[in-house]
Amino acid sequence: MIPLLLILIAAISYFLGTLSSPILLAKYVFHKDISRQNRGIVGYNTFVRNFGQKWGVAVIGADILKSLIACLIGNLLLRIPGDGYPVIGALFAGFCLVLGDMYPIQRKFRGGKGVVCLLTALWLADWRVGLLALGVFIAVLALSQFMSFASLCGCFAGMIAAWIFVDAEQMKGLAGVLVLFSFLFIAWRHRGNIQKLLAKKEPKVTWGRKPESRLREDNF
C-alpha cells in the first residue's frame, strides 16, 4: 500500500508545485501575461517588478497555501497504514513540490526555485525545524539584504535541523535525505545567484519599491 500512496503523493504534490503563483496572480488579478518574461523563469522578483513589493505578500501566501495543501495530504495519506510515517509523507510531498515548482512540465521545465515550498514542508515536519530555518532566513536577510543568500542559508539550516530534531521513529535518516536532496536542487537552481554573489554583482533587496530593472534572477 505504501508505494501506491507515495505515487499518489508525488503526483498531487508535483502538480501543485507546477502551479505558478506569480503567473496565476498576474493573469487573474491583473489580467497580464508575465509567463514569457525572464526567459520563462518567473518567480517572486519578476512579479514585484511588474506589480510592486506590496503584492509580493500575495505570491508568498499563495505558495505557502499550495505547499500546505500538498504537505498535509502527504501527512494524512501516510497515516493510513497502521505503522505509517506522517512526517515522511509531509517531507516527501515537500520534495515533490520543490521539483514541480522548479521544473513544471507545462512550462518546459522553467519554474521557480522552491524555497517557500521547502520551508513550509519543514514547518509541517517539525515546528522546531521550521522555526530554525525561518529564523536563519530572516536574520541573514536582515544582515545581508541578499534574498538569494538568505534563502540558501535558511534551507541549509533546515536541512541540518531535520537531522537533529526529527524523531527516530519517524525515520530520521530518510527525513534527512529528503531534505538534503531538496536543498541540493534548490542550491543548483540558485547557481546563477551564487556566481553573482561571488562576483559581488548580486543586487540587494529593495524594500518598499519595485526592484531595479537590472534584476534578472528570481530567488524564490
N, C-alpha and C. Protein backbone atom coordinates (compact mmCIF):
# COMPACT_ATOMS: atom_id res chain seq x y z
N MET A 1 0.81 -1.21 0.00
CA MET A 1 0.00 0.00 0.00
C MET A 1 0.85 1.27 0.00
N ILE A 2 1.95 1.26 0.77
CA ILE A 2 2.77 2.46 0.89
C ILE A 2 3.32 2.94 -0.45
N PRO A 3 3.83 2.03 -1.32
CA PRO A 3 4.30 2.51 -2.64
C PRO A 3 3.22 3.23 -3.43
N LEU A 4 1.99 2.72 -3.39
CA LEU A 4 0.89 3.38 -4.11
C LEU A 4 0.58 4.74 -3.51
N LEU A 5 0.64 4.84 -2.19
CA LEU A 5 0.40 6.12 -1.53
C LEU A 5 1.49 7.13 -1.88
N LEU A 6 2.73 6.66 -1.96
CA LEU A 6 3.84 7.55 -2.33
C LEU A 6 3.67 8.06 -3.77
N ILE A 7 3.22 7.19 -4.66
CA ILE A 7 2.97 7.62 -6.05
C ILE A 7 1.88 8.68 -6.09
N LEU A 8 0.83 8.48 -5.29
CA LEU A 8 -0.27 9.44 -5.24
C LEU A 8 0.22 10.78 -4.67
N ILE A 9 0.99 10.71 -3.60
CA ILE A 9 1.54 11.94 -3.00
C ILE A 9 2.42 12.67 -4.01
N ALA A 10 3.27 11.91 -4.72
CA ALA A 10 4.18 12.52 -5.70
C ALA A 10 3.40 13.22 -6.80
N ALA A 11 2.36 12.58 -7.31
CA ALA A 11 1.58 13.15 -8.40
C ALA A 11 0.87 14.43 -7.96
N ILE A 12 0.22 14.38 -6.79
CA ILE A 12 -0.51 15.55 -6.30
C ILE A 12 0.45 16.70 -6.01
N SER A 13 1.55 16.38 -5.34
CA SER A 13 2.49 17.43 -4.92
C SER A 13 3.20 18.05 -6.11
N TYR A 14 3.61 17.23 -7.07
CA TYR A 14 4.26 17.78 -8.26
C TYR A 14 3.30 18.70 -9.00
N PHE A 15 2.05 18.26 -9.15
CA PHE A 15 1.07 19.09 -9.86
C PHE A 15 0.88 20.43 -9.14
N LEU A 16 0.71 20.39 -7.82
CA LEU A 16 0.54 21.63 -7.08
C LEU A 16 1.78 22.52 -7.19
N GLY A 17 2.95 21.89 -7.21
CA GLY A 17 4.18 22.65 -7.36
C GLY A 17 4.27 23.37 -8.69
N THR A 18 3.69 22.79 -9.73
CA THR A 18 3.76 23.41 -11.06
C THR A 18 2.86 24.64 -11.19
N LEU A 19 1.94 24.82 -10.23
CA LEU A 19 1.04 25.97 -10.29
C LEU A 19 1.81 27.22 -9.86
N SER A 20 2.16 28.04 -10.81
CA SER A 20 2.98 29.22 -10.53
C SER A 20 2.13 30.34 -9.95
N SER A 21 2.35 30.67 -8.70
CA SER A 21 1.59 31.74 -8.05
C SER A 21 1.76 33.08 -8.76
N PRO A 22 2.99 33.49 -9.13
CA PRO A 22 3.14 34.77 -9.84
C PRO A 22 2.37 34.83 -11.14
N ILE A 23 2.46 33.76 -11.93
CA ILE A 23 1.78 33.75 -13.23
C ILE A 23 0.27 33.77 -13.05
N LEU A 24 -0.25 32.96 -12.12
CA LEU A 24 -1.69 32.88 -11.92
C LEU A 24 -2.25 34.18 -11.35
N LEU A 25 -1.53 34.79 -10.38
CA LEU A 25 -2.00 36.05 -9.82
C LEU A 25 -1.96 37.16 -10.86
N ALA A 26 -0.89 37.19 -11.66
CA ALA A 26 -0.79 38.20 -12.72
C ALA A 26 -1.93 38.04 -13.72
N LYS A 27 -2.26 36.80 -14.05
CA LYS A 27 -3.28 36.55 -15.06
C LYS A 27 -4.68 36.86 -14.56
N TYR A 28 -5.01 36.41 -13.35
CA TYR A 28 -6.40 36.51 -12.89
C TYR A 28 -6.67 37.76 -12.05
N VAL A 29 -5.64 38.38 -11.50
CA VAL A 29 -5.84 39.61 -10.73
C VAL A 29 -5.56 40.84 -11.58
N PHE A 30 -4.44 40.80 -12.32
CA PHE A 30 -4.02 41.97 -13.11
C PHE A 30 -4.27 41.80 -14.60
N HIS A 31 -4.72 40.59 -15.01
CA HIS A 31 -5.04 40.32 -16.42
C HIS A 31 -3.83 40.61 -17.32
N LYS A 32 -2.67 40.14 -16.88
CA LYS A 32 -1.44 40.34 -17.62
C LYS A 32 -0.66 39.03 -17.68
N ASP A 33 -0.09 38.74 -18.83
CA ASP A 33 0.70 37.52 -19.01
C ASP A 33 2.18 37.84 -18.80
N ILE A 34 2.75 37.28 -17.73
CA ILE A 34 4.17 37.50 -17.47
C ILE A 34 4.99 36.21 -17.66
N SER A 35 4.34 35.20 -18.23
CA SER A 35 4.98 33.89 -18.33
C SER A 35 6.17 33.87 -19.27
N ARG A 36 6.27 34.86 -20.17
CA ARG A 36 7.37 34.89 -21.12
C ARG A 36 8.53 35.78 -20.65
N GLN A 37 8.36 36.42 -19.52
CA GLN A 37 9.42 37.29 -19.03
C GLN A 37 10.54 36.46 -18.38
N ASN A 38 11.72 37.07 -18.28
CA ASN A 38 12.85 36.45 -17.58
C ASN A 38 13.14 35.05 -18.10
N ARG A 39 13.08 34.89 -19.43
CA ARG A 39 13.35 33.60 -20.09
C ARG A 39 12.41 32.50 -19.61
N GLY A 40 11.23 32.91 -19.16
CA GLY A 40 10.24 31.94 -18.70
C GLY A 40 10.42 31.49 -17.27
N ILE A 41 11.49 31.95 -16.61
CA ILE A 41 11.72 31.61 -15.21
C ILE A 41 11.09 32.70 -14.36
N VAL A 42 9.83 32.51 -14.01
CA VAL A 42 9.04 33.57 -13.38
C VAL A 42 8.83 33.23 -11.90
N GLY A 43 9.24 34.14 -11.05
CA GLY A 43 9.07 33.96 -9.61
C GLY A 43 8.74 35.26 -8.93
N TYR A 44 9.09 35.33 -7.66
CA TYR A 44 8.75 36.48 -6.82
C TYR A 44 9.25 37.80 -7.40
N ASN A 45 10.53 37.86 -7.76
CA ASN A 45 11.11 39.12 -8.22
C ASN A 45 10.49 39.60 -9.54
N THR A 46 10.22 38.66 -10.44
CA THR A 46 9.56 39.04 -11.69
C THR A 46 8.20 39.66 -11.41
N PHE A 47 7.48 39.07 -10.46
CA PHE A 47 6.15 39.57 -10.13
C PHE A 47 6.22 40.97 -9.54
N VAL A 48 7.10 41.18 -8.56
CA VAL A 48 7.13 42.50 -7.91
C VAL A 48 7.72 43.56 -8.82
N ARG A 49 8.53 43.17 -9.80
CA ARG A 49 9.00 44.16 -10.77
C ARG A 49 7.83 44.73 -11.56
N ASN A 50 6.82 43.89 -11.77
CA ASN A 50 5.66 44.32 -12.56
C ASN A 50 4.59 44.99 -11.71
N PHE A 51 4.38 44.51 -10.49
CA PHE A 51 3.20 44.94 -9.74
C PHE A 51 3.51 45.56 -8.37
N GLY A 52 4.78 45.62 -8.01
CA GLY A 52 5.14 46.28 -6.76
C GLY A 52 5.34 45.33 -5.60
N GLN A 53 6.11 45.81 -4.62
CA GLN A 53 6.52 44.98 -3.48
C GLN A 53 5.34 44.53 -2.63
N LYS A 54 4.34 45.38 -2.47
CA LYS A 54 3.24 45.02 -1.57
C LYS A 54 2.47 43.80 -2.06
N TRP A 55 2.46 43.58 -3.37
CA TRP A 55 1.78 42.40 -3.90
C TRP A 55 2.61 41.14 -3.77
N GLY A 56 3.89 41.29 -3.41
CA GLY A 56 4.73 40.12 -3.20
C GLY A 56 4.22 39.24 -2.07
N VAL A 57 3.55 39.85 -1.09
CA VAL A 57 2.98 39.08 0.02
C VAL A 57 1.96 38.07 -0.51
N ALA A 58 1.21 38.47 -1.52
CA ALA A 58 0.21 37.57 -2.10
C ALA A 58 0.87 36.37 -2.75
N VAL A 59 2.01 36.58 -3.40
CA VAL A 59 2.74 35.48 -4.03
C VAL A 59 3.22 34.49 -2.98
N ILE A 60 3.83 35.02 -1.92
CA ILE A 60 4.33 34.15 -0.86
C ILE A 60 3.18 33.41 -0.19
N GLY A 61 2.07 34.13 0.06
CA GLY A 61 0.91 33.49 0.66
C GLY A 61 0.35 32.37 -0.19
N ALA A 62 0.28 32.59 -1.50
CA ALA A 62 -0.24 31.55 -2.40
C ALA A 62 0.70 30.35 -2.44
N ASP A 63 2.01 30.60 -2.42
CA ASP A 63 2.97 29.49 -2.40
C ASP A 63 2.86 28.70 -1.09
N ILE A 64 2.69 29.40 0.01
CA ILE A 64 2.51 28.71 1.29
C ILE A 64 1.25 27.87 1.28
N LEU A 65 0.18 28.41 0.71
CA LEU A 65 -1.10 27.69 0.67
C LEU A 65 -0.98 26.40 -0.12
N LYS A 66 -0.39 26.46 -1.33
CA LYS A 66 -0.28 25.24 -2.13
C LYS A 66 0.65 24.24 -1.45
N SER A 67 1.67 24.75 -0.76
CA SER A 67 2.59 23.86 -0.06
C SER A 67 1.90 23.20 1.13
N LEU A 68 1.10 23.97 1.86
CA LEU A 68 0.34 23.41 2.99
C LEU A 68 -0.59 22.30 2.52
N ILE A 69 -1.28 22.55 1.43
CA ILE A 69 -2.22 21.54 0.92
C ILE A 69 -1.49 20.25 0.57
N ALA A 70 -0.40 20.38 -0.18
CA ALA A 70 0.35 19.19 -0.60
C ALA A 70 0.93 18.44 0.59
N CYS A 71 1.55 19.18 1.52
CA CYS A 71 2.21 18.52 2.65
C CYS A 71 1.21 17.91 3.62
N LEU A 72 0.07 18.56 3.79
CA LEU A 72 -0.97 17.97 4.64
C LEU A 72 -1.54 16.70 4.01
N ILE A 73 -1.71 16.71 2.69
CA ILE A 73 -2.16 15.49 2.01
C ILE A 73 -1.14 14.37 2.20
N GLY A 74 0.15 14.72 2.03
CA GLY A 74 1.20 13.72 2.24
C GLY A 74 1.20 13.19 3.65
N ASN A 75 1.04 14.09 4.62
CA ASN A 75 1.00 13.69 6.02
C ASN A 75 -0.17 12.76 6.29
N LEU A 76 -1.35 13.12 5.79
CA LEU A 76 -2.56 12.33 6.06
C LEU A 76 -2.53 10.98 5.35
N LEU A 77 -2.06 10.97 4.11
CA LEU A 77 -2.05 9.70 3.37
C LEU A 77 -1.11 8.68 3.99
N LEU A 78 0.02 9.12 4.51
CA LEU A 78 0.92 8.15 5.14
C LEU A 78 0.55 7.84 6.59
N ARG A 79 -0.58 8.39 7.04
CA ARG A 79 -1.16 7.95 8.31
C ARG A 79 -2.07 6.74 8.12
N ILE A 80 -2.44 6.48 6.87
CA ILE A 80 -3.41 5.42 6.60
C ILE A 80 -2.89 4.05 7.04
N PRO A 81 -1.64 3.67 6.66
CA PRO A 81 -1.14 2.39 7.17
C PRO A 81 -1.02 2.44 8.70
N GLY A 82 -1.23 1.29 9.32
CA GLY A 82 -1.18 1.27 10.79
C GLY A 82 0.15 1.73 11.34
N ASP A 83 1.23 1.48 10.62
CA ASP A 83 2.56 1.89 11.07
C ASP A 83 3.09 2.99 10.13
N GLY A 84 2.19 3.90 9.76
CA GLY A 84 2.56 4.93 8.79
C GLY A 84 3.56 5.94 9.34
N TYR A 85 4.03 6.80 8.44
CA TYR A 85 5.05 7.79 8.78
C TYR A 85 4.60 9.16 8.25
N PRO A 86 3.74 9.85 9.00
CA PRO A 86 3.20 11.12 8.50
C PRO A 86 4.25 12.19 8.24
N VAL A 87 5.32 12.24 9.05
CA VAL A 87 6.36 13.24 8.83
C VAL A 87 7.08 12.97 7.50
N ILE A 88 7.32 11.71 7.22
CA ILE A 88 7.94 11.36 5.94
C ILE A 88 7.01 11.74 4.80
N GLY A 89 5.71 11.54 4.99
CA GLY A 89 4.74 11.92 3.96
C GLY A 89 4.80 13.41 3.66
N ALA A 90 4.91 14.23 4.72
CA ALA A 90 4.99 15.68 4.52
C ALA A 90 6.28 16.08 3.82
N LEU A 91 7.40 15.48 4.22
CA LEU A 91 8.68 15.84 3.62
C LEU A 91 8.81 15.32 2.19
N PHE A 92 8.24 14.14 1.93
CA PHE A 92 8.24 13.63 0.56
C PHE A 92 7.39 14.51 -0.34
N ALA A 93 6.25 14.95 0.19
CA ALA A 93 5.41 15.89 -0.56
C ALA A 93 6.18 17.19 -0.82
N GLY A 94 6.93 17.65 0.20
CA GLY A 94 7.72 18.86 0.03
C GLY A 94 8.78 18.71 -1.05
N PHE A 95 9.43 17.56 -1.09
CA PHE A 95 10.44 17.29 -2.12
C PHE A 95 9.81 17.33 -3.51
N CYS A 96 8.65 16.68 -3.67
CA CYS A 96 7.97 16.67 -4.97
C CYS A 96 7.45 18.05 -5.34
N LEU A 97 7.04 18.82 -4.33
CA LEU A 97 6.64 20.21 -4.54
C LEU A 97 7.78 21.03 -5.11
N VAL A 98 8.96 20.86 -4.51
CA VAL A 98 10.15 21.60 -4.97
C VAL A 98 10.42 21.27 -6.43
N LEU A 99 10.34 19.99 -6.79
CA LEU A 99 10.58 19.59 -8.18
C LEU A 99 9.54 20.21 -9.11
N GLY A 100 8.26 20.19 -8.68
CA GLY A 100 7.21 20.77 -9.51
C GLY A 100 7.37 22.26 -9.67
N ASP A 101 7.75 22.94 -8.58
CA ASP A 101 7.94 24.38 -8.64
C ASP A 101 9.10 24.76 -9.55
N MET A 102 10.16 23.97 -9.51
CA MET A 102 11.35 24.28 -10.32
C MET A 102 11.20 23.84 -11.78
N TYR A 103 10.61 22.68 -11.96
CA TYR A 103 10.58 22.08 -13.30
C TYR A 103 9.15 21.72 -13.72
N PRO A 104 8.31 22.73 -13.93
CA PRO A 104 6.93 22.47 -14.35
C PRO A 104 6.87 22.00 -15.80
N ILE A 105 6.27 20.87 -16.03
CA ILE A 105 6.27 20.28 -17.37
C ILE A 105 5.51 21.16 -18.36
N GLN A 106 4.45 21.86 -17.90
CA GLN A 106 3.66 22.66 -18.82
C GLN A 106 4.36 23.94 -19.24
N ARG A 107 5.46 24.31 -18.56
CA ARG A 107 6.22 25.50 -18.94
C ARG A 107 7.66 25.12 -19.34
N LYS A 108 7.77 23.95 -19.94
CA LYS A 108 9.05 23.46 -20.46
C LYS A 108 10.13 23.44 -19.38
N PHE A 109 9.71 23.04 -18.17
CA PHE A 109 10.61 22.84 -17.04
C PHE A 109 11.32 24.12 -16.61
N ARG A 110 10.70 25.27 -16.87
CA ARG A 110 11.23 26.55 -16.41
C ARG A 110 10.31 27.09 -15.32
N GLY A 111 10.78 27.06 -14.09
CA GLY A 111 9.93 27.47 -12.99
C GLY A 111 10.65 28.29 -11.96
N GLY A 112 10.19 28.21 -10.72
CA GLY A 112 10.75 28.98 -9.62
C GLY A 112 11.94 28.28 -8.99
N LYS A 113 12.13 28.54 -7.69
CA LYS A 113 13.30 27.99 -7.01
C LYS A 113 12.98 27.22 -5.75
N GLY A 114 11.71 27.02 -5.45
CA GLY A 114 11.30 26.04 -4.45
C GLY A 114 11.54 26.39 -2.99
N VAL A 115 11.97 27.60 -2.69
CA VAL A 115 12.34 27.94 -1.32
C VAL A 115 11.13 27.90 -0.38
N VAL A 116 10.05 28.57 -0.76
CA VAL A 116 8.86 28.60 0.10
C VAL A 116 8.30 27.20 0.28
N CYS A 117 8.34 26.39 -0.77
CA CYS A 117 7.84 25.01 -0.70
C CYS A 117 8.59 24.22 0.37
N LEU A 118 9.91 24.32 0.36
CA LEU A 118 10.70 23.56 1.33
C LEU A 118 10.50 24.10 2.75
N LEU A 119 10.50 25.41 2.92
CA LEU A 119 10.34 25.97 4.25
C LEU A 119 8.99 25.60 4.85
N THR A 120 7.95 25.57 4.03
CA THR A 120 6.62 25.17 4.52
C THR A 120 6.62 23.71 4.94
N ALA A 121 7.24 22.86 4.13
CA ALA A 121 7.32 21.43 4.47
C ALA A 121 8.07 21.22 5.78
N LEU A 122 9.11 22.00 6.00
CA LEU A 122 9.88 21.87 7.24
C LEU A 122 9.04 22.23 8.46
N TRP A 123 8.20 23.27 8.32
CA TRP A 123 7.31 23.64 9.43
C TRP A 123 6.36 22.50 9.77
N LEU A 124 5.81 21.85 8.74
CA LEU A 124 4.85 20.78 8.99
C LEU A 124 5.53 19.52 9.50
N ALA A 125 6.78 19.32 9.14
CA ALA A 125 7.51 18.14 9.62
C ALA A 125 7.80 18.26 11.12
N ASP A 126 8.28 19.42 11.52
CA ASP A 126 8.61 19.66 12.94
C ASP A 126 8.73 21.17 13.13
N TRP A 127 7.95 21.72 14.04
CA TRP A 127 7.93 23.17 14.21
C TRP A 127 9.30 23.72 14.58
N ARG A 128 10.12 22.90 15.27
CA ARG A 128 11.46 23.36 15.65
C ARG A 128 12.34 23.53 14.42
N VAL A 129 12.19 22.60 13.48
CA VAL A 129 12.97 22.69 12.23
C VAL A 129 12.53 23.91 11.44
N GLY A 130 11.22 24.09 11.31
CA GLY A 130 10.71 25.24 10.57
C GLY A 130 11.09 26.56 11.21
N LEU A 131 11.02 26.62 12.55
CA LEU A 131 11.36 27.85 13.26
C LEU A 131 12.83 28.21 13.07
N LEU A 132 13.71 27.22 13.17
CA LEU A 132 15.14 27.48 12.99
C LEU A 132 15.43 27.93 11.57
N ALA A 133 14.84 27.25 10.58
CA ALA A 133 15.08 27.62 9.18
C ALA A 133 14.59 29.03 8.90
N LEU A 134 13.39 29.35 9.37
CA LEU A 134 12.84 30.69 9.14
C LEU A 134 13.64 31.75 9.89
N GLY A 135 14.06 31.42 11.11
CA GLY A 135 14.85 32.37 11.89
C GLY A 135 16.17 32.70 11.22
N VAL A 136 16.83 31.68 10.70
CA VAL A 136 18.10 31.91 9.99
C VAL A 136 17.86 32.74 8.73
N PHE A 137 16.80 32.41 7.99
CA PHE A 137 16.46 33.17 6.79
C PHE A 137 16.27 34.65 7.10
N ILE A 138 15.46 34.95 8.12
CA ILE A 138 15.17 36.34 8.46
C ILE A 138 16.43 37.06 8.94
N ALA A 139 17.22 36.39 9.78
CA ALA A 139 18.43 37.02 10.31
C ALA A 139 19.43 37.34 9.20
N VAL A 140 19.64 36.38 8.30
CA VAL A 140 20.60 36.59 7.22
C VAL A 140 20.11 37.65 6.25
N LEU A 141 18.81 37.65 5.98
CA LEU A 141 18.25 38.67 5.09
C LEU A 141 18.40 40.06 5.69
N ALA A 142 18.13 40.17 7.00
CA ALA A 142 18.23 41.47 7.66
C ALA A 142 19.67 41.99 7.65
N LEU A 143 20.63 41.08 7.84
CA LEU A 143 22.03 41.48 7.92
C LEU A 143 22.67 41.72 6.56
N SER A 144 22.32 40.85 5.58
CA SER A 144 23.00 40.93 4.27
C SER A 144 22.19 41.65 3.21
N GLN A 145 20.86 41.61 3.32
CA GLN A 145 19.93 42.14 2.33
C GLN A 145 20.00 41.41 0.99
N PHE A 146 20.58 40.21 0.99
CA PHE A 146 20.61 39.37 -0.21
C PHE A 146 19.56 38.27 -0.05
N MET A 147 18.49 38.35 -0.84
CA MET A 147 17.42 37.37 -0.75
C MET A 147 17.92 35.96 -1.09
N SER A 148 18.73 35.84 -2.11
CA SER A 148 19.22 34.53 -2.53
C SER A 148 20.07 33.90 -1.45
N PHE A 149 20.97 34.68 -0.84
CA PHE A 149 21.86 34.17 0.20
C PHE A 149 21.05 33.76 1.43
N ALA A 150 20.06 34.58 1.81
CA ALA A 150 19.22 34.26 2.95
C ALA A 150 18.41 32.98 2.69
N SER A 151 17.92 32.82 1.45
CA SER A 151 17.15 31.63 1.10
C SER A 151 18.00 30.37 1.24
N LEU A 152 19.22 30.42 0.73
CA LEU A 152 20.11 29.27 0.80
C LEU A 152 20.48 28.96 2.25
N CYS A 153 20.76 29.99 3.04
CA CYS A 153 21.12 29.78 4.44
C CYS A 153 19.95 29.19 5.22
N GLY A 154 18.74 29.70 4.98
CA GLY A 154 17.58 29.18 5.67
C GLY A 154 17.32 27.71 5.33
N CYS A 155 17.42 27.38 4.06
CA CYS A 155 17.21 25.98 3.64
C CYS A 155 18.30 25.06 4.18
N PHE A 156 19.53 25.56 4.21
CA PHE A 156 20.64 24.76 4.74
C PHE A 156 20.44 24.52 6.24
N ALA A 157 20.04 25.56 6.96
CA ALA A 157 19.78 25.40 8.39
C ALA A 157 18.65 24.39 8.63
N GLY A 158 17.63 24.45 7.79
CA GLY A 158 16.53 23.50 7.91
C GLY A 158 16.98 22.07 7.66
N MET A 159 17.89 21.90 6.70
CA MET A 159 18.41 20.57 6.40
C MET A 159 19.15 20.01 7.62
N ILE A 160 20.01 20.81 8.24
CA ILE A 160 20.75 20.36 9.42
C ILE A 160 19.79 20.07 10.57
N ALA A 161 18.81 20.96 10.76
CA ALA A 161 17.85 20.79 11.86
C ALA A 161 17.01 19.53 11.69
N ALA A 162 16.72 19.15 10.44
CA ALA A 162 15.92 17.94 10.20
C ALA A 162 16.64 16.71 10.72
N TRP A 163 17.96 16.67 10.57
CA TRP A 163 18.74 15.53 11.07
C TRP A 163 18.76 15.52 12.60
N ILE A 164 18.64 16.70 13.21
CA ILE A 164 18.76 16.80 14.67
C ILE A 164 17.42 16.54 15.37
N PHE A 165 16.34 17.14 14.85
CA PHE A 165 15.09 17.18 15.61
C PHE A 165 14.05 16.14 15.20
N VAL A 166 14.07 15.67 13.96
CA VAL A 166 13.03 14.71 13.55
C VAL A 166 13.20 13.43 14.35
N ASP A 167 12.11 12.95 14.93
CA ASP A 167 12.16 11.80 15.82
C ASP A 167 12.65 10.55 15.10
N ALA A 168 13.37 9.71 15.84
CA ALA A 168 13.93 8.48 15.26
C ALA A 168 12.83 7.57 14.73
N GLU A 169 11.68 7.51 15.44
CA GLU A 169 10.60 6.62 14.99
C GLU A 169 9.97 7.11 13.71
N GLN A 170 10.25 8.35 13.32
CA GLN A 170 9.77 8.87 12.05
C GLN A 170 10.84 8.74 10.97
N MET A 171 11.77 7.82 11.18
CA MET A 171 12.81 7.51 10.18
C MET A 171 13.67 8.75 9.90
N LYS A 172 14.42 9.13 10.94
CA LYS A 172 15.24 10.34 10.86
C LYS A 172 16.14 10.35 9.64
N GLY A 173 16.76 9.20 9.31
CA GLY A 173 17.68 9.16 8.17
C GLY A 173 16.98 9.49 6.87
N LEU A 174 15.81 8.90 6.64
CA LEU A 174 15.07 9.16 5.41
C LEU A 174 14.59 10.61 5.37
N ALA A 175 14.14 11.12 6.51
CA ALA A 175 13.72 12.52 6.56
C ALA A 175 14.88 13.44 6.19
N GLY A 176 16.06 13.16 6.74
CA GLY A 176 17.23 13.97 6.43
C GLY A 176 17.62 13.90 4.97
N VAL A 177 17.51 12.71 4.38
CA VAL A 177 17.86 12.55 2.97
C VAL A 177 16.89 13.33 2.08
N LEU A 178 15.60 13.29 2.39
CA LEU A 178 14.62 14.04 1.60
C LEU A 178 14.91 15.53 1.64
N VAL A 179 15.23 16.05 2.83
CA VAL A 179 15.54 17.47 2.94
C VAL A 179 16.87 17.78 2.27
N LEU A 180 17.84 16.87 2.38
CA LEU A 180 19.13 17.07 1.73
C LEU A 180 18.97 17.22 0.22
N PHE A 181 18.22 16.32 -0.40
CA PHE A 181 18.04 16.40 -1.85
C PHE A 181 17.24 17.62 -2.25
N SER A 182 16.27 18.00 -1.42
CA SER A 182 15.52 19.23 -1.69
C SER A 182 16.46 20.43 -1.68
N PHE A 183 17.35 20.47 -0.68
CA PHE A 183 18.30 21.59 -0.59
C PHE A 183 19.25 21.59 -1.78
N LEU A 184 19.72 20.42 -2.19
CA LEU A 184 20.66 20.36 -3.31
C LEU A 184 20.01 20.86 -4.60
N PHE A 185 18.76 20.51 -4.83
CA PHE A 185 18.05 21.03 -6.01
C PHE A 185 17.91 22.55 -5.93
N ILE A 186 17.59 23.04 -4.74
CA ILE A 186 17.43 24.49 -4.57
C ILE A 186 18.77 25.19 -4.78
N ALA A 187 19.85 24.63 -4.24
CA ALA A 187 21.17 25.23 -4.43
C ALA A 187 21.56 25.24 -5.91
N TRP A 188 21.23 24.17 -6.63
CA TRP A 188 21.53 24.11 -8.05
C TRP A 188 20.78 25.18 -8.83
N ARG A 189 19.51 25.39 -8.47
CA ARG A 189 18.73 26.41 -9.16
C ARG A 189 19.19 27.82 -8.81
N HIS A 190 19.93 27.96 -7.72
CA HIS A 190 20.46 29.26 -7.32
C HIS A 190 21.90 29.47 -7.81
N ARG A 191 22.37 28.59 -8.68
CA ARG A 191 23.79 28.69 -9.07
C ARG A 191 24.12 30.04 -9.72
N GLY A 192 23.17 30.60 -10.47
CA GLY A 192 23.40 31.92 -11.07
C GLY A 192 23.55 32.98 -10.00
N ASN A 193 22.71 32.89 -8.97
CA ASN A 193 22.80 33.85 -7.86
C ASN A 193 24.11 33.67 -7.10
N ILE A 194 24.54 32.42 -6.94
CA ILE A 194 25.80 32.16 -6.23
C ILE A 194 26.97 32.78 -6.98
N GLN A 195 26.97 32.64 -8.30
CA GLN A 195 28.03 33.24 -9.10
C GLN A 195 28.03 34.76 -8.96
N LYS A 196 26.85 35.36 -8.93
CA LYS A 196 26.76 36.81 -8.77
C LYS A 196 27.21 37.25 -7.39
N LEU A 197 26.87 36.45 -6.37
CA LEU A 197 27.32 36.77 -5.02
C LEU A 197 28.85 36.75 -4.94
N LEU A 198 29.45 35.74 -5.53
CA LEU A 198 30.91 35.63 -5.51
C LEU A 198 31.56 36.77 -6.29
N ALA A 199 30.88 37.21 -7.35
CA ALA A 199 31.42 38.31 -8.17
C ALA A 199 30.99 39.68 -7.64
N LYS A 200 30.26 39.69 -6.51
CA LYS A 200 29.76 40.92 -5.90
C LYS A 200 28.87 41.71 -6.86
N LYS A 201 28.06 40.98 -7.63
CA LYS A 201 27.14 41.60 -8.57
C LYS A 201 25.68 41.30 -8.25
N GLU A 202 25.44 40.59 -7.17
CA GLU A 202 24.07 40.24 -6.80
C GLU A 202 23.37 41.46 -6.21
N PRO A 203 22.23 41.88 -6.75
CA PRO A 203 21.51 43.04 -6.20
C PRO A 203 20.95 42.74 -4.81
N LYS A 204 20.85 43.75 -3.99
CA LYS A 204 20.26 43.62 -2.68
C LYS A 204 18.76 43.86 -2.76
N VAL A 205 18.06 43.45 -1.70
CA VAL A 205 16.61 43.66 -1.62
C VAL A 205 16.33 45.16 -1.58
N THR A 206 15.32 45.57 -2.33
CA THR A 206 14.90 46.97 -2.33
C THR A 206 13.55 47.06 -1.62
N TRP A 207 13.56 47.48 -0.38
CA TRP A 207 12.35 47.50 0.43
C TRP A 207 11.44 48.65 0.04
N GLY A 208 10.16 48.33 -0.10
CA GLY A 208 9.15 49.36 -0.27
C GLY A 208 9.04 49.94 -1.67
N ARG A 209 9.78 49.39 -2.63
CA ARG A 209 9.65 49.87 -4.00
C ARG A 209 9.97 48.71 -4.94
N LYS A 210 9.71 48.93 -6.23
CA LYS A 210 9.98 47.87 -7.18
C LYS A 210 11.48 47.64 -7.27
N PRO A 211 11.90 46.34 -7.39
CA PRO A 211 13.31 46.07 -7.57
C PRO A 211 13.83 46.73 -8.83
N GLU A 212 15.14 47.02 -8.85
CA GLU A 212 15.74 47.66 -10.01
C GLU A 212 15.62 46.76 -11.24
N SER A 213 15.55 47.40 -12.39
CA SER A 213 15.30 46.66 -13.63
C SER A 213 16.42 45.71 -13.98
N ARG A 214 17.60 45.88 -13.37
CA ARG A 214 18.71 45.00 -13.72
C ARG A 214 18.55 43.61 -13.13
N LEU A 215 17.62 43.47 -12.16
CA LEU A 215 17.42 42.15 -11.58
C LEU A 215 16.94 41.18 -12.65
N ARG A 216 17.62 40.05 -12.72
CA ARG A 216 17.23 39.06 -13.72
C ARG A 216 16.99 37.68 -13.13
N GLU A 217 17.45 37.44 -11.90
CA GLU A 217 17.31 36.12 -11.31
C GLU A 217 16.25 36.16 -10.21
N ASP A 218 15.30 35.24 -10.28
CA ASP A 218 14.32 35.10 -9.21
C ASP A 218 14.92 34.25 -8.10
N ASN A 219 14.60 34.59 -6.86
CA ASN A 219 15.20 33.92 -5.73
C ASN A 219 14.26 32.95 -5.02
N PHE A 220 12.96 32.99 -5.36
CA PHE A 220 12.01 32.08 -4.76
C PHE A 220 11.52 31.07 -5.79
